[in-house]
Amino acid sequence: MSRPLAYRIMPQTLSTPCVSVCTLDAAGRTCLGCGRTLEEIGAWPALSETERRAIMARLSARPAGAAQ
């Protein structure tokens, strides 16, 4: 009796601006650590590398704690 092949799925490394300071602003919509909105954080794993890099490029232009 043969054993089924086991496939190991290697985790894909995602580009991320996360700095492990996961604290929301007073409105509860933007992370004060990385500057992403809750929507951006939630969608992050499904975004393409191009989409993630575009968001990261916009983060530096955002005022601290402000979502755009």
C-alpha atoms as a PDB file:
ATOM      1  CA  MET A   1       0.000   0.000   0.000  1.00  0.00           C
ATOM      2  CA  SER A   2       1.544   3.280  -1.029  1.00  0.00           C
ATOM      3  CA  ARG A   3       1.348   6.393   1.088  1.00  0.00           C
ATOM      4  CA  PRO A   4      -0.124   9.554  -0.390  1.00  0.00           C
ATOM      5  CA  LEU A   5       2.390  12.205  -1.267  1.00  0.00           C
ATOM      6  CA  ALA A   6       2.532  15.014   1.236  1.00  0.00           C
ATOM      7  CA  TYR A   7       3.018  18.440  -0.211  1.00  0.00           C
ATOM      8  CA  ARG A   8       4.402  21.173   1.917  1.00  0.00           C
ATOM      9  CA  ILE A   9       3.239  24.611   0.954  1.00  0.00           C
ATOM     10  CA  MET A  10       5.968  27.085   1.627  1.00  0.00           C
ATOM     11  CA  PRO A  11       4.717  30.396   2.965  1.00  0.00           C
ATOM     12  CA  GLN A  12       5.132  33.256   0.552  1.00  0.00           C
ATOM     13  CA  THR A  13       6.918  36.258   1.944  1.00  0.00           C
ATOM     14  CA  LEU A  14       4.777  39.350   1.504  1.00  0.00           C
ATOM     15  CA  SER A  15       6.135  42.863   1.371  1.00  0.00           C
ATOM     16  CA  THR A  16       4.685  44.740   4.303  1.00  0.00           C
ATOM     17  CA  PRO A  17       5.099  48.078   6.051  1.00  0.00           C
ATOM     18  CA  CYS A  18       4.167  46.448   9.375  1.00  0.00           C
ATOM     19  CA  VAL A  19       6.479  47.419  12.236  1.00  0.00           C
ATOM     20  CA  SER A  20       4.658  45.297  14.856  1.00  0.00           C
ATOM     21  CA  VAL A  21       3.154  48.355  16.546  1.00  0.00           C
ATOM     22  CA  CYS A  22      -0.470  47.457  15.956  1.00  0.00           C
ATOM     23  CA  THR A  23      -2.362  50.356  17.515  1.00  0.00           C
ATOM     24  CA  LEU A  24      -5.349  52.044  15.922  1.00  0.00           C
ATOM     25  CA  ASP A  25      -5.946  55.773  15.776  1.00  0.00           C
ATOM     26  CA  ALA A  26      -8.720  57.381  17.865  1.00  0.00           C
ATOM     27  CA  ALA A  27     -11.247  56.738  15.091  1.00  0.00           C
ATOM     28  CA  GLY A  28     -10.244  53.064  14.951  1.00  0.00           C
ATOM     29  CA  ARG A  29      -9.592  53.146  11.208  1.00  0.00           C
ATOM     30  CA  THR A  30      -5.818  53.486  10.737  1.00  0.00           C
ATOM     31  CA  CYS A  31      -2.862  51.668  12.266  1.00  0.00           C
ATOM     32  CA  LEU A  32      -0.517  54.129  13.954  1.00  0.00           C
ATOM     33  CA  GLY A  33       2.394  51.734  13.450  1.00  0.00           C
ATOM     34  CA  CYS A  34       2.293  51.254   9.684  1.00  0.00           C
ATOM     35  CA  GLY A  35      -0.259  53.854   8.540  1.00  0.00           C
ATOM     36  CA  ARG A  36      -2.502  51.415   6.672  1.00  0.00           C
ATOM     37  CA  THR A  37      -6.261  51.532   6.936  1.00  0.00           C
ATOM     38  CA  LEU A  38      -8.169  48.541   8.272  1.00  0.00           C
ATOM     39  CA  GLU A  39      -9.364  47.883   4.725  1.00  0.00           C
ATOM     40  CA  GLU A  40      -5.788  47.812   3.429  1.00  0.00           C
ATOM     41  CA  ILE A  41      -4.654  45.525   6.252  1.00  0.00           C
ATOM     42  CA  GLY A  42      -7.547  43.131   5.648  1.00  0.00           C
ATOM     43  CA  ALA A  43      -6.962  42.992   1.896  1.00  0.00           C
ATOM     44  CA  TRP A  44      -3.154  42.753   2.154  1.00  0.00           C
ATOM     45  CA  PRO A  45      -2.703  38.980   1.675  1.00  0.00           C
ATOM     46  CA  ALA A  46      -4.864  38.988  -1.474  1.00  0.00           C
ATOM     47  CA  LEU A  47      -3.165  41.991  -3.095  1.00  0.00           C
ATOM     48  CA  SER A  48      -0.536  41.590  -5.765  1.00  0.00           C
ATOM     49  CA  GLU A  49       3.025  42.651  -5.030  1.00  0.00           C
ATOM     50  CA  THR A  50       2.472  45.650  -7.329  1.00  0.00           C
ATOM     51  CA  GLU A  51      -0.627  46.716  -5.370  1.00  0.00           C
ATOM     52  CA  ARG A  52       1.169  46.327  -2.024  1.00  0.00           C
ATOM     53  CA  ARG A  53       4.121  48.388  -3.222  1.00  0.00           C
ATOM     54  CA  ALA A  54       1.790  51.123  -4.501  1.00  0.00           C
ATOM     55  CA  ILE A  55       0.118  51.368  -1.091  1.00  0.00           C
ATOM     56  CA  MET A  56       3.490  51.419   0.667  1.00  0.00           C
ATOM     57  CA  ALA A  57       4.625  54.249  -1.599  1.00  0.00           C
ATOM     58  CA  ARG A  58       1.552  56.287  -0.629  1.00  0.00           C
ATOM     59  CA  LEU A  59       2.013  55.720   3.110  1.00  0.00           C
ATOM     60  CA  SER A  60       4.879  58.182   3.436  1.00  0.00           C
ATOM     61  CA  ALA A  61       2.663  60.972   2.073  1.00  0.00           C
ATOM     62  CA  ARG A  62      -0.057  60.360   4.688  1.00  0.00           C
ATOM     63  CA  PRO A  63      -0.101  62.484   7.795  1.00  0.00           C
ATOM     64  CA  ALA A  64       0.497  60.362  10.909  1.00  0.00           C
ATOM     65  CA  GLY A  65      -2.725  58.630  11.888  1.00  0.00           C
ATOM     66  CA  ALA A  66      -4.657  59.835   8.827  1.00  0.00           C
ATOM     67  CA  ALA A  67      -6.276  57.478   6.350  1.00  0.00           C
ATOM     68  CA  GLN A  68      -6.597  58.358   2.700  1.00  0.00           C
END
